[in-house]
Amino acid sequence: MTGFIGAGNMANAIIKGMVSSGAQEGKDIAVYDIHPEKREKAAADYGVNAMSSLEELVSECSEIVVAIKPCGFEKLLGGLDSLLKERDPLIISIAAGKTLEAISSYLSYEPALARVMPNINATIGESVSAYCANGRVTAEQKAFVAKLCSSIGEAVELEKFFSAFGVIGGAAPAFAYMFIDELARGGVKIGMNKQVALKVAAQTVLGSAKMIAESGEHPYALVDKVCSPGGTTVEGVAALNENGFANAVMQAVTAAYEKDLKLSGK
């Protein structure tokens, strides 16, 4: 059985993905949350088992997804240390800024430990999630982690660059949302209805992302295909460049990356 400690938005997104994709049946998933109404809702929505205590969950599960705020890890794992050591489940963290080494330091033994970093788009099954594992994780356990990630979108195994992924995969959806909204506001400025402009902008960005992912062409080769000599598109591209578009994006990535390093204590 796979257990989830915490039944917040991301835990629910992963559970929903696992159940709806067929990666795991609800009866083979257990959930515990300090708020009884949250675990009961998960049970009602996905057919999972609502556990009455952390100890019950750890005793029943071979994989445990820790889906709580990073600040609560030390207290949680320290309190469960002896039971975790006895049961030795695969522990999967989805906390940002918590390295494998940091999480291991909260326990008196070296656990089989994996780290997964999904993003907010997991709620619609379109996340890109990075994962890594320590040396105690078996090939079978790593395959389970990959399956969990794939149930909510795309999965990428990374041994390094988790902080970089946290920006490109974790923070950048916010940048993309901002870009889509500003495109729509530009449409409003020239007379379009906001909801129509937003629909057009969102679909355009969605299609453009798929074009890059599926065509195999370099993004700027595609830019060149859209830019006719002396046309409207190249005029807009020139305006983006003149107003610092590339630099603004680069600075946003750098600022988020430096903050992640600071939070990780690096």
Protein backbone atom coordinates (compact mmCIF):
# COMPACT_ATOMS: atom_id res chain seq x y z
CA MET A 1 0.00 0.00 0.00
CA THR A 2 1.14 3.55 -0.73
CA GLY A 3 0.62 6.12 1.99
CA PHE A 4 0.29 9.89 1.79
CA ILE A 5 1.10 12.02 4.80
CA GLY A 6 -0.80 15.21 4.07
CA ALA A 7 -3.91 15.59 1.95
CA GLY A 8 -3.39 19.04 0.46
CA ASN A 9 -3.69 20.13 -3.15
CA MET A 10 -0.56 18.41 -4.45
CA ALA A 11 -1.22 15.15 -2.61
CA ASN A 12 -4.75 15.10 -4.02
CA ALA A 13 -3.44 15.85 -7.51
CA ILE A 14 -1.03 12.90 -7.31
CA ILE A 15 -3.66 10.56 -5.87
CA LYS A 16 -6.12 11.61 -8.58
CA GLY A 17 -3.48 11.01 -11.25
CA MET A 18 -2.51 7.60 -9.91
CA VAL A 19 -6.11 6.42 -9.65
CA SER A 20 -7.37 7.90 -12.93
CA SER A 21 -4.34 6.63 -14.90
CA GLY A 22 -4.65 3.14 -13.46
CA ALA A 23 -1.20 3.35 -11.87
CA GLN A 24 -2.77 2.30 -8.59
CA GLU A 25 -6.24 1.54 -7.27
CA GLY A 26 -7.76 3.65 -4.54
CA LYS A 27 -7.98 0.65 -2.22
CA ASP A 28 -4.19 0.39 -2.36
CA ILE A 29 -3.64 3.98 -1.21
CA ALA A 30 -3.80 5.31 2.36
CA VAL A 31 -4.02 8.93 3.48
CA TYR A 32 -3.43 10.67 6.78
CA ASP A 33 -3.88 14.38 7.49
CA ILE A 34 -4.09 16.21 10.80
CA HIS A 35 -7.42 17.58 9.56
CA PRO A 36 -9.88 14.64 9.58
CA GLU A 37 -12.15 16.30 7.01
CA LYS A 38 -9.31 16.35 4.45
CA ARG A 39 -8.52 12.66 4.71
CA GLU A 40 -12.21 11.78 4.68
CA LYS A 41 -12.73 13.87 1.54
CA ALA A 42 -9.84 12.09 -0.18
CA ALA A 43 -11.44 8.77 0.78
CA ALA A 44 -14.78 9.88 -0.63
CA ASP A 45 -13.32 11.34 -3.83
CA TYR A 46 -10.84 8.60 -4.77
CA GLY A 47 -11.80 5.50 -2.76
CA VAL A 48 -8.60 5.58 -0.69
CA ASN A 49 -8.20 4.51 2.92
CA ALA A 50 -8.40 7.29 5.50
CA MET A 51 -6.02 6.45 8.33
CA SER A 52 -6.67 7.58 11.90
CA SER A 53 -3.00 8.00 12.84
CA LEU A 54 0.48 8.37 11.39
CA GLU A 55 1.52 5.17 13.09
CA GLU A 56 -1.27 3.22 11.41
CA LEU A 57 -0.24 4.58 8.01
CA VAL A 58 3.46 3.78 8.46
CA SER A 59 2.64 0.28 9.70
CA GLU A 60 0.54 -0.49 6.61
CA CYS A 61 2.51 1.12 3.77
CA SER A 62 5.58 0.10 1.76
CA GLU A 63 5.85 3.54 0.13
CA ILE A 64 5.18 6.80 1.95
CA VAL A 65 4.76 10.14 0.18
CA VAL A 66 5.49 13.00 2.57
CA ALA A 67 3.32 15.85 1.31
CA ILE A 68 3.57 18.43 4.08
CA LYS A 69 5.25 21.82 4.31
CA PRO A 70 9.06 21.61 4.41
CA CYS A 71 9.20 23.25 7.84
CA GLY A 72 7.40 20.26 9.36
CA PHE A 73 9.74 17.53 8.10
CA GLU A 74 12.16 17.39 11.01
CA LYS A 75 9.45 17.09 13.66
CA LEU A 76 7.41 14.59 11.63
CA LEU A 77 10.26 12.24 10.73
CA GLY A 78 11.91 12.53 14.13
CA GLY A 79 8.66 11.50 15.80
CA LEU A 80 8.29 8.48 13.52
CA ASP A 81 11.98 7.52 13.49
CA SER A 82 11.82 4.21 15.35
CA LEU A 83 8.76 2.94 13.45
CA LEU A 84 10.19 4.03 10.09
CA LYS A 85 13.46 2.29 10.92
CA GLU A 86 11.60 -0.90 11.80
CA ARG A 87 9.33 -0.87 8.75
CA ASP A 88 11.91 0.65 6.33
CA PRO A 89 9.46 1.93 3.68
CA LEU A 90 10.43 3.89 0.59
CA ILE A 91 10.05 7.54 1.62
CA ILE A 92 9.15 9.99 -1.15
CA SER A 93 9.42 13.72 -0.49
CA ILE A 94 7.66 16.32 -2.62
CA ALA A 95 9.00 19.26 -0.60
CA ALA A 96 10.79 22.09 -2.37
CA GLY A 97 14.18 23.03 -0.98
CA LYS A 98 14.72 19.81 0.98
CA THR A 99 17.65 17.79 -0.33
CA LEU A 100 17.99 14.05 0.14
CA GLU A 101 20.83 14.73 2.57
CA ALA A 102 18.77 17.14 4.64
CA ILE A 103 15.84 14.74 4.91
CA SER A 104 18.11 11.81 5.84
CA SER A 105 19.62 13.89 8.64
CA TYR A 106 16.27 13.90 10.47
CA LEU A 107 16.43 10.11 10.88
CA SER A 108 18.76 7.86 12.87
CA TYR A 109 19.20 5.50 9.91
CA GLU A 110 19.67 5.86 6.17
CA PRO A 111 16.24 5.41 4.59
CA ALA A 112 15.37 4.37 1.06
CA LEU A 113 14.61 7.93 -0.02
CA ALA A 114 13.41 9.61 -3.20
CA ARG A 115 12.72 13.22 -3.97
CA VAL A 116 10.01 14.29 -6.41
CA MET A 117 9.35 17.82 -7.57
CA PRO A 118 6.05 18.26 -9.43
CA ASN A 119 4.50 21.59 -10.37
CA ILE A 120 1.06 23.14 -10.04
CA ASN A 121 -0.05 21.75 -13.41
CA ALA A 122 -0.22 18.33 -11.75
CA THR A 123 -3.77 19.30 -10.80
CA ILE A 124 -4.78 18.83 -14.46
CA GLY A 125 -2.37 15.98 -15.18
CA GLU A 126 0.09 18.18 -17.10
CA SER A 127 2.99 18.56 -14.69
CA VAL A 128 6.61 18.02 -15.51
CA SER A 129 8.15 16.33 -12.47
CA ALA A 130 11.79 15.69 -11.65
CA TYR A 131 12.86 12.84 -9.40
CA CYS A 132 16.03 11.43 -7.88
CA ALA A 133 16.86 8.79 -5.30
CA ASN A 134 19.59 7.79 -2.91
CA GLY A 135 21.65 4.60 -3.09
CA ARG A 136 19.24 2.54 -0.97
CA VAL A 137 16.41 2.82 -3.48
CA THR A 138 16.07 -0.35 -5.55
CA ALA A 139 15.39 -0.45 -9.29
CA GLU A 140 11.84 -1.58 -8.55
CA GLN A 141 11.28 1.30 -6.15
CA LYS A 142 12.70 3.80 -8.62
CA ALA A 143 10.33 2.44 -11.27
CA PHE A 144 7.47 3.09 -8.85
CA VAL A 145 8.61 6.71 -8.40
CA ALA A 146 8.77 7.15 -12.17
CA LYS A 147 5.25 5.71 -12.50
CA LEU A 148 3.96 8.06 -9.83
CA CYS A 149 5.44 11.05 -11.67
CA SER A 150 4.15 9.88 -15.04
CA SER A 151 0.61 9.62 -13.67
CA ILE A 152 0.47 13.44 -13.39
CA GLY A 153 2.34 14.38 -16.57
CA GLU A 154 5.91 14.03 -17.79
CA ALA A 155 8.76 12.62 -15.67
CA VAL A 156 12.46 13.51 -15.79
CA GLU A 157 15.12 11.73 -13.72
CA LEU A 158 17.75 14.16 -12.45
CA GLU A 159 20.77 13.49 -10.29
CA LYS A 160 21.81 17.13 -10.22
CA PHE A 161 20.30 20.52 -11.05
CA PHE A 162 17.27 20.14 -8.78
CA SER A 163 17.48 23.82 -7.91
CA ALA A 164 17.52 24.69 -11.61
CA PHE A 165 14.57 22.40 -12.21
CA GLY A 166 12.74 24.08 -9.33
CA VAL A 167 12.84 27.28 -11.35
CA ILE A 168 12.25 25.99 -14.89
CA GLY A 169 9.69 23.37 -13.86
CA GLY A 170 8.36 24.69 -10.55
CA ALA A 171 8.36 28.49 -10.64
CA ALA A 172 8.11 29.10 -14.38
CA PRO A 173 4.41 28.18 -14.63
CA ALA A 174 3.81 31.49 -12.84
CA PHE A 175 5.92 33.25 -15.48
CA ALA A 176 3.92 31.53 -18.22
CA TYR A 177 0.62 32.51 -16.59
CA MET A 178 1.83 36.12 -16.46
CA PHE A 179 2.83 36.05 -20.13
CA ILE A 180 -0.57 34.66 -21.15
CA ASP A 181 -2.39 37.29 -19.12
CA GLU A 182 -0.29 40.13 -20.57
CA LEU A 183 -0.98 38.85 -24.09
CA ALA A 184 -4.68 38.96 -23.28
CA ARG A 185 -4.37 42.47 -21.80
CA GLY A 186 -2.66 43.54 -24.99
CA GLY A 187 -5.70 42.24 -26.82
CA VAL A 188 -7.97 44.25 -24.54
CA LYS A 189 -5.89 47.37 -25.23
CA ILE A 190 -6.64 47.05 -28.94
CA GLY A 191 -10.33 46.32 -28.39
CA MET A 192 -10.85 42.61 -27.70
CA ASN A 193 -13.06 41.20 -24.97
CA LYS A 194 -10.82 40.00 -22.09
CA GLN A 195 -12.24 36.48 -21.88
CA VAL A 196 -11.98 35.99 -25.65
CA ALA A 197 -8.44 37.38 -25.64
CA LEU A 198 -7.50 35.11 -22.72
CA LYS A 199 -8.86 32.04 -24.50
CA VAL A 200 -6.93 32.91 -27.66
CA ALA A 201 -3.72 33.65 -25.74
CA ALA A 202 -3.89 30.45 -23.66
CA GLN A 203 -4.53 28.23 -26.68
CA THR A 204 -1.78 29.97 -28.65
CA VAL A 205 0.77 29.31 -25.88
CA LEU A 206 -0.47 25.73 -25.48
CA GLY A 207 -0.12 25.07 -29.20
CA SER A 208 3.28 26.76 -29.33
CA ALA A 209 4.56 24.60 -26.47
CA LYS A 210 3.35 21.45 -28.24
CA MET A 211 4.99 22.63 -31.45
CA ILE A 212 8.38 22.89 -29.70
CA ALA A 213 7.91 19.57 -27.89
CA GLU A 214 6.74 17.60 -30.93
CA SER A 215 8.42 19.19 -33.96
CA GLY A 216 11.99 18.79 -32.78
CA GLU A 217 12.79 22.21 -34.21
CA HIS A 218 14.73 24.89 -32.37
CA PRO A 219 12.43 27.58 -30.94
CA TYR A 220 14.13 30.34 -32.94
CA ALA A 221 13.78 28.34 -36.15
CA LEU A 222 10.05 28.41 -35.47
CA VAL A 223 10.22 32.14 -34.72
CA ASP A 224 11.81 32.65 -38.13
CA LYS A 225 9.00 30.65 -39.77
CA VAL A 226 6.38 33.00 -38.31
CA CYS A 227 8.30 36.21 -39.10
CA SER A 228 7.66 37.33 -42.67
CA PRO A 229 10.00 40.05 -43.98
CA GLY A 230 8.58 43.44 -43.08
CA GLY A 231 5.56 41.78 -41.46
CA THR A 232 3.61 42.24 -38.24
CA THR A 233 5.25 39.41 -36.28
CA VAL A 234 8.82 40.60 -36.72
CA GLU A 235 7.69 44.05 -35.62
CA GLY A 236 6.36 42.57 -32.39
CA VAL A 237 9.50 40.45 -31.88
CA ALA A 238 11.65 43.56 -32.31
CA ALA A 239 9.53 45.40 -29.74
CA LEU A 240 9.95 42.54 -27.24
CA ASN A 241 13.71 42.64 -27.70
CA GLU A 242 13.90 46.43 -27.50
CA ASN A 243 11.97 46.39 -24.24
CA GLY A 244 14.16 43.79 -22.55
CA PHE A 245 12.04 40.65 -22.90
CA ALA A 246 14.98 38.21 -23.02
CA ASN A 247 16.80 39.93 -20.18
CA ALA A 248 13.66 40.04 -18.00
CA VAL A 249 13.13 36.29 -18.40
CA MET A 250 16.79 35.55 -17.69
CA GLN A 251 16.73 37.74 -14.58
CA ALA A 252 13.53 36.05 -13.34
CA VAL A 253 15.14 32.61 -13.67
CA THR A 254 18.33 33.78 -11.95
CA ALA A 255 16.46 35.45 -9.07
CA ALA A 256 14.31 32.39 -8.41
CA TYR A 257 17.36 30.10 -8.64
CA GLU A 258 19.35 32.17 -6.14
CA LYS A 259 16.41 32.17 -3.73
CA ASP A 260 16.12 28.37 -4.02
CA LEU A 261 19.84 27.99 -3.25
CA LYS A 262 19.41 30.19 -0.19
CA LEU A 263 16.44 28.18 1.05
CA SER A 264 18.40 24.96 0.49
CA GLY A 265 21.32 26.31 2.50
CA LYS A 266 23.73 26.09 -0.44
